[in-house]
N, C-alpha and C. Protein backbone atom coordinates (compact mmCIF):
# COMPACT_ATOMS: atom_id res chain seq x y z
N MET A 1 -34.89 20.56 76.11
CA MET A 1 -34.28 21.36 75.13
C MET A 1 -32.81 21.79 75.47
N ALA A 2 -32.42 22.20 76.59
CA ALA A 2 -31.16 22.27 76.97
C ALA A 2 -30.25 21.12 76.94
N GLU A 3 -31.09 19.77 77.54
CA GLU A 3 -30.20 18.56 77.32
C GLU A 3 -29.82 18.07 75.87
N GLN A 4 -30.62 18.26 74.96
CA GLN A 4 -30.62 18.11 73.50
C GLN A 4 -29.24 18.92 72.96
N GLU A 5 -29.32 20.44 73.45
CA GLU A 5 -28.20 21.16 72.96
C GLU A 5 -27.00 20.69 73.69
N LYS A 6 -26.97 20.22 74.83
CA LYS A 6 -25.59 19.68 75.37
C LYS A 6 -25.33 18.39 74.64
N ASN A 7 -26.14 17.47 74.41
CA ASN A 7 -25.79 16.36 73.68
C ASN A 7 -25.17 16.66 72.21
N ASN A 8 -25.98 17.76 71.47
CA ASN A 8 -25.40 18.23 70.18
C ASN A 8 -24.03 18.75 70.38
N MET A 9 -23.75 19.43 71.46
CA MET A 9 -22.37 19.98 71.62
C MET A 9 -21.42 18.97 71.89
N ASP A 10 -21.69 17.98 72.84
CA ASP A 10 -20.94 16.80 73.01
C ASP A 10 -20.57 16.00 71.83
N THR A 11 -21.62 15.96 70.92
CA THR A 11 -21.31 15.09 69.62
C THR A 11 -20.58 15.90 68.73
N LYS A 12 -20.67 17.34 68.67
CA LYS A 12 -19.97 17.97 67.79
C LYS A 12 -18.51 18.18 68.10
N ASP A 13 -18.14 18.27 69.54
CA ASP A 13 -16.99 18.34 70.29
C ASP A 13 -16.12 17.00 69.95
N PHE A 14 -16.74 15.88 70.02
CA PHE A 14 -16.02 14.70 69.95
C PHE A 14 -15.80 14.35 68.26
N LEU A 15 -16.63 14.94 67.55
CA LEU A 15 -16.39 14.80 65.99
C LEU A 15 -15.33 15.80 65.55
N ILE A 16 -15.33 16.96 66.02
CA ILE A 16 -14.31 17.76 65.80
C ILE A 16 -12.91 17.22 66.21
N GLY A 17 -13.01 16.84 67.26
CA GLY A 17 -11.73 16.34 68.16
C GLY A 17 -11.21 15.05 67.25
N SER A 18 -12.11 14.25 66.85
CA SER A 18 -11.78 13.12 66.03
C SER A 18 -10.95 13.54 64.76
N LEU A 19 -11.96 14.41 64.00
CA LEU A 19 -11.23 14.92 62.88
C LEU A 19 -9.93 15.49 62.99
N VAL A 20 -9.65 16.33 64.01
CA VAL A 20 -8.35 16.94 64.13
C VAL A 20 -7.47 16.23 64.56
N GLY A 21 -7.71 15.10 65.28
CA GLY A 21 -6.82 14.09 65.72
C GLY A 21 -6.16 13.23 64.46
N GLY A 22 -7.32 12.87 63.70
CA GLY A 22 -6.77 12.00 62.61
C GLY A 22 -6.05 12.68 61.71
N ILE A 23 -6.20 14.11 61.63
CA ILE A 23 -5.25 14.92 60.66
C ILE A 23 -3.91 14.87 61.23
N VAL A 24 -3.85 15.21 62.38
CA VAL A 24 -2.47 15.26 63.11
C VAL A 24 -1.90 13.87 63.20
N GLY A 25 -2.59 13.02 63.30
CA GLY A 25 -1.88 11.66 63.24
C GLY A 25 -1.50 11.38 62.03
N ALA A 26 -2.22 11.54 61.01
CA ALA A 26 -1.67 11.32 59.65
C ALA A 26 -0.61 12.09 59.13
N ALA A 27 -0.42 13.49 59.62
CA ALA A 27 0.50 14.19 59.31
C ALA A 27 1.77 13.67 60.15
N VAL A 28 1.67 13.31 61.37
CA VAL A 28 3.02 12.79 62.02
C VAL A 28 3.64 11.64 61.19
N GLY A 29 2.41 10.75 61.21
CA GLY A 29 2.92 9.32 60.46
C GLY A 29 3.62 9.67 59.32
N LEU A 30 3.04 10.53 58.51
CA LEU A 30 3.66 10.96 56.98
C LEU A 30 5.17 11.42 57.21
N LEU A 31 5.12 12.44 58.28
CA LEU A 31 6.40 13.14 58.64
C LEU A 31 7.67 12.18 59.06
N MET A 32 7.23 11.42 59.97
CA MET A 32 8.00 10.37 60.37
C MET A 32 8.49 9.24 59.44
N ALA A 33 7.82 9.21 58.42
CA ALA A 33 8.07 8.09 57.48
C ALA A 33 9.41 8.51 56.73
N PRO A 34 10.31 7.60 56.48
CA PRO A 34 11.63 7.94 55.70
C PRO A 34 11.25 7.87 54.23
N LYS A 35 10.97 9.21 53.77
CA LYS A 35 10.98 9.43 52.28
C LYS A 35 11.47 10.56 51.82
N ALA A 36 11.81 10.76 50.42
CA ALA A 36 12.40 11.81 49.85
C ALA A 36 11.24 13.27 49.96
N GLY A 37 11.95 14.25 49.80
CA GLY A 37 11.05 15.44 49.92
C GLY A 37 9.85 15.38 48.85
N LYS A 38 10.01 15.30 47.79
CA LYS A 38 8.87 15.12 46.70
C LYS A 38 7.93 14.13 46.89
N GLU A 39 8.53 12.99 47.43
CA GLU A 39 7.43 11.98 47.50
C GLU A 39 6.57 12.26 48.86
N LEU A 40 7.19 12.78 49.79
CA LEU A 40 6.56 13.18 51.33
C LEU A 40 5.55 14.37 50.68
N ARG A 41 5.78 15.39 50.10
CA ARG A 41 4.84 16.25 49.63
C ARG A 41 3.70 15.80 48.88
N ASP A 42 4.11 14.62 47.92
CA ASP A 42 2.74 14.06 47.07
C ASP A 42 1.98 13.43 48.08
N ASP A 43 2.40 12.65 49.11
CA ASP A 43 1.79 11.96 49.92
C ASP A 43 0.85 12.86 50.95
N LEU A 44 1.39 14.00 51.45
CA LEU A 44 0.65 14.95 52.12
C LEU A 44 -0.27 15.63 51.21
N ASN A 45 -0.07 15.87 50.16
CA ASN A 45 -1.05 16.39 49.18
C ASN A 45 -2.27 15.45 49.11
N VAL A 46 -2.06 14.12 48.98
CA VAL A 46 -3.02 13.15 48.74
C VAL A 46 -3.78 13.29 50.14
N GLN A 47 -3.06 13.09 51.23
CA GLN A 47 -3.63 13.08 52.43
C GLN A 47 -4.80 14.28 52.70
N VAL A 48 -4.29 15.40 52.42
CA VAL A 48 -5.15 16.71 52.55
C VAL A 48 -6.25 16.71 51.66
N THR A 49 -6.22 16.14 50.40
CA THR A 49 -7.16 16.00 49.53
C THR A 49 -8.14 15.11 50.05
N ASN A 50 -7.80 13.97 50.52
CA ASN A 50 -8.74 13.05 51.49
C ASN A 50 -9.48 13.54 52.37
N ALA A 51 -8.75 14.37 53.41
CA ALA A 51 -9.32 14.98 54.56
C ALA A 51 -10.21 16.12 53.99
N LYS A 52 -10.19 16.74 53.10
CA LYS A 52 -11.00 17.72 52.48
C LYS A 52 -12.33 16.88 52.12
N GLU A 53 -12.21 15.98 51.29
CA GLU A 53 -13.44 15.22 50.86
C GLU A 53 -14.00 14.51 52.10
N LYS A 54 -13.58 13.83 53.10
CA LYS A 54 -14.25 13.37 54.03
C LYS A 54 -14.79 14.62 54.98
N THR A 55 -14.14 15.80 55.09
CA THR A 55 -14.83 16.65 55.77
C THR A 55 -16.00 17.23 55.09
N ALA A 56 -16.09 17.38 53.67
CA ALA A 56 -17.06 18.04 53.02
C ALA A 56 -18.34 16.95 53.03
N LYS A 57 -18.00 15.56 52.99
CA LYS A 57 -19.09 14.54 53.04
C LYS A 57 -19.81 14.84 54.64
N PHE A 58 -18.79 14.86 55.59
CA PHE A 58 -19.33 14.93 56.96
C PHE A 58 -20.15 16.02 57.21
N THR A 59 -19.83 17.22 56.56
CA THR A 59 -20.54 18.54 56.76
C THR A 59 -21.83 18.43 56.13
N ASP A 60 -21.91 17.65 54.83
CA ASP A 60 -23.28 17.39 54.21
C ASP A 60 -24.11 16.73 54.74
N LYS A 61 -23.55 15.55 55.61
CA LYS A 61 -24.46 14.73 56.35
C LYS A 61 -25.01 15.50 57.48
N ILE A 62 -24.10 16.18 58.20
CA ILE A 62 -24.52 17.26 59.48
C ILE A 62 -25.53 18.11 58.99
N ARG A 63 -25.44 18.81 57.79
CA ARG A 63 -26.59 19.64 57.21
C ARG A 63 -27.82 18.84 57.11
N GLU A 64 -27.80 17.71 56.41
CA GLU A 64 -28.88 17.08 56.02
C GLU A 64 -29.72 16.59 57.35
N ARG A 65 -28.77 16.27 58.38
CA ARG A 65 -29.44 15.83 59.67
C ARG A 65 -30.11 16.99 60.18
N ARG A 66 -29.41 17.94 60.29
CA ARG A 66 -30.08 19.31 60.88
C ARG A 66 -31.33 19.72 60.00
N VAL A 67 -31.44 19.40 58.85
CA VAL A 67 -32.66 19.95 58.12
C VAL A 67 -33.58 18.86 58.51
N ALA A 68 -33.25 17.50 58.50
CA ALA A 68 -34.32 16.53 58.90
C ALA A 68 -34.84 16.89 60.37
N ASP A 69 -33.85 17.11 61.39
CA ASP A 69 -34.45 17.62 62.49
C ASP A 69 -35.30 18.79 62.55
N GLU A 70 -35.01 19.90 61.90
CA GLU A 70 -36.03 20.82 61.70
C GLU A 70 -37.39 20.73 61.11
N VAL A 71 -37.18 19.77 60.15
CA VAL A 71 -38.52 19.21 59.48
C VAL A 71 -39.23 18.57 60.12
N GLU A 72 -38.55 17.81 61.20
CA GLU A 72 -39.32 16.94 61.96
C GLU A 72 -39.85 17.80 63.12
N GLU A 73 -39.41 18.72 63.69
CA GLU A 73 -39.83 19.82 64.45
C GLU A 73 -41.19 20.39 64.15
N GLU A 74 -40.91 20.96 62.94
CA GLU A 74 -42.11 21.50 62.27
C GLU A 74 -43.38 20.83 61.81
N ILE A 75 -42.90 19.52 61.44
CA ILE A 75 -44.13 18.64 60.89
C ILE A 75 -44.70 17.54 62.00
N GLY A 76 -43.71 17.68 63.03
CA GLY A 76 -44.33 16.59 64.02
C GLY A 76 -45.60 16.98 64.74
N PRO A 77 -45.89 18.20 65.05
CA PRO A 77 -47.22 18.58 65.54
C PRO A 77 -48.33 18.50 64.49
N VAL A 78 -47.92 18.73 63.14
CA VAL A 78 -48.94 18.73 62.24
C VAL A 78 -49.28 17.34 61.80
N ALA A 79 -48.30 16.33 61.84
CA ALA A 79 -48.44 14.95 61.63
C ALA A 79 -49.37 14.38 62.87
N ILE A 80 -49.33 14.85 63.92
CA ILE A 80 -49.99 14.04 65.03
C ILE A 80 -51.38 14.80 65.15
N GLU A 81 -51.58 16.04 64.59
CA GLU A 81 -53.00 16.67 64.49
C GLU A 81 -53.69 15.99 63.39
N THR A 82 -52.82 15.67 62.25
CA THR A 82 -53.48 15.16 60.96
C THR A 82 -53.92 13.53 61.43
N SER A 83 -53.05 12.84 62.25
CA SER A 83 -53.56 11.56 62.61
C SER A 83 -54.71 11.58 63.59
N GLU A 84 -54.80 12.52 64.42
CA GLU A 84 -56.02 12.74 65.34
C GLU A 84 -57.16 12.87 64.50
N ASN A 85 -57.14 13.80 63.58
CA ASN A 85 -58.24 14.26 62.70
C ASN A 85 -58.62 13.08 61.76
N SER A 86 -57.68 12.28 61.19
CA SER A 86 -58.12 11.27 60.43
C SER A 86 -58.67 10.03 61.53
N GLU A 87 -58.23 9.89 62.80
CA GLU A 87 -58.92 8.91 63.49
C GLU A 87 -60.37 9.30 63.68
N SER A 88 -60.58 10.65 64.04
CA SER A 88 -61.89 11.28 64.31
C SER A 88 -62.86 10.98 63.09
N ALA A 89 -62.23 11.37 62.14
CA ALA A 89 -62.90 11.05 60.70
C ALA A 89 -63.49 9.68 60.46
N GLU A 90 -62.63 8.91 60.75
CA GLU A 90 -62.94 7.28 60.76
C GLU A 90 -64.09 6.88 61.56
N GLU A 91 -63.92 7.30 62.89
CA GLU A 91 -65.12 7.00 63.81
C GLU A 91 -66.23 7.76 63.40
N SER A 92 -66.28 8.89 62.73
CA SER A 92 -67.42 9.50 62.46
C SER A 92 -68.12 8.84 61.23
N GLU A 93 -67.24 8.26 60.36
CA GLU A 93 -67.68 7.57 59.22
C GLU A 93 -68.27 6.36 59.48
N GLU A 94 -67.47 5.66 60.68
CA GLU A 94 -68.12 4.29 61.20
C GLU A 94 -69.49 4.73 61.76
N GLN A 95 -69.67 5.52 62.50
CA GLN A 95 -70.92 5.92 63.01
C GLN A 95 -71.96 6.36 62.17
N VAL A 96 -71.74 6.83 61.11
CA VAL A 96 -72.69 7.37 60.25
C VAL A 96 -73.09 5.93 59.20
N VAL A 97 -71.94 4.84 58.99
CA VAL A 97 -72.54 3.58 58.59
C VAL A 97 -73.30 2.91 59.35
N ASN A 98 -72.96 2.83 60.59
CA ASN A 98 -73.82 2.12 61.79
C ASN A 98 -75.32 2.66 61.69
N GLU A 99 -75.20 4.18 61.87
CA GLU A 99 -76.75 4.66 61.88
C GLU A 99 -77.44 4.43 60.48
N GLU A 100 -77.00 4.52 59.36
CA GLU A 100 -77.64 3.97 58.10
C GLU A 100 -77.95 2.64 58.03
N ALA A 101 -76.96 1.66 58.74
CA ALA A 101 -77.56 0.48 58.49
C ALA A 101 -78.76 -0.03 59.65
N ALA A 102 -78.73 0.74 60.71
CA ALA A 102 -79.58 0.61 61.64
C ALA A 102 -81.09 1.44 61.04
N ALA A 103 -80.97 2.40 60.28
CA ALA A 103 -82.14 3.04 59.54
C ALA A 103 -82.56 2.01 58.86
N THR A 104 -81.95 1.35 57.81
CA THR A 104 -82.24 0.72 56.82
C THR A 104 -83.10 -0.66 57.50
N LYS A 105 -82.41 -1.09 58.61
CA LYS A 105 -82.96 -2.22 59.30
C LYS A 105 -84.38 -1.94 59.88
N GLU A 106 -84.72 -0.77 60.31
CA GLU A 106 -85.81 -0.41 60.74
C GLU A 106 -86.86 -0.17 59.89
N ASP A 107 -86.41 0.24 58.60
CA ASP A 107 -87.37 0.32 57.28
C ASP A 107 -87.94 -0.86 56.98
N ASN A 108 -87.02 -2.06 57.03
CA ASN A 108 -87.53 -3.22 56.55
C ASN A 108 -88.32 -3.96 57.52
């Protein structure tokens, strides 16, 4: 469990660093470009809007993944138990069929 939390933190730290680095890089690129003030502000506005949209999409994906992981944790044991019960039921059914076939054979 501790290793999984460490991996989650490493992934989270990497993604946050990438996001911040991308935003800083885009801002520096825009500020270093020779443009008029109005044009530069418009470009910055577009870049900020794009960053917000990407961040929202990324956040949604993280939430979906977290929910999927939580569901898997909750359902995993139930699925295994259900699978085992299903196999047991199939074996019991096969045994009953075999016993009925043997009984029918004996009656003939």
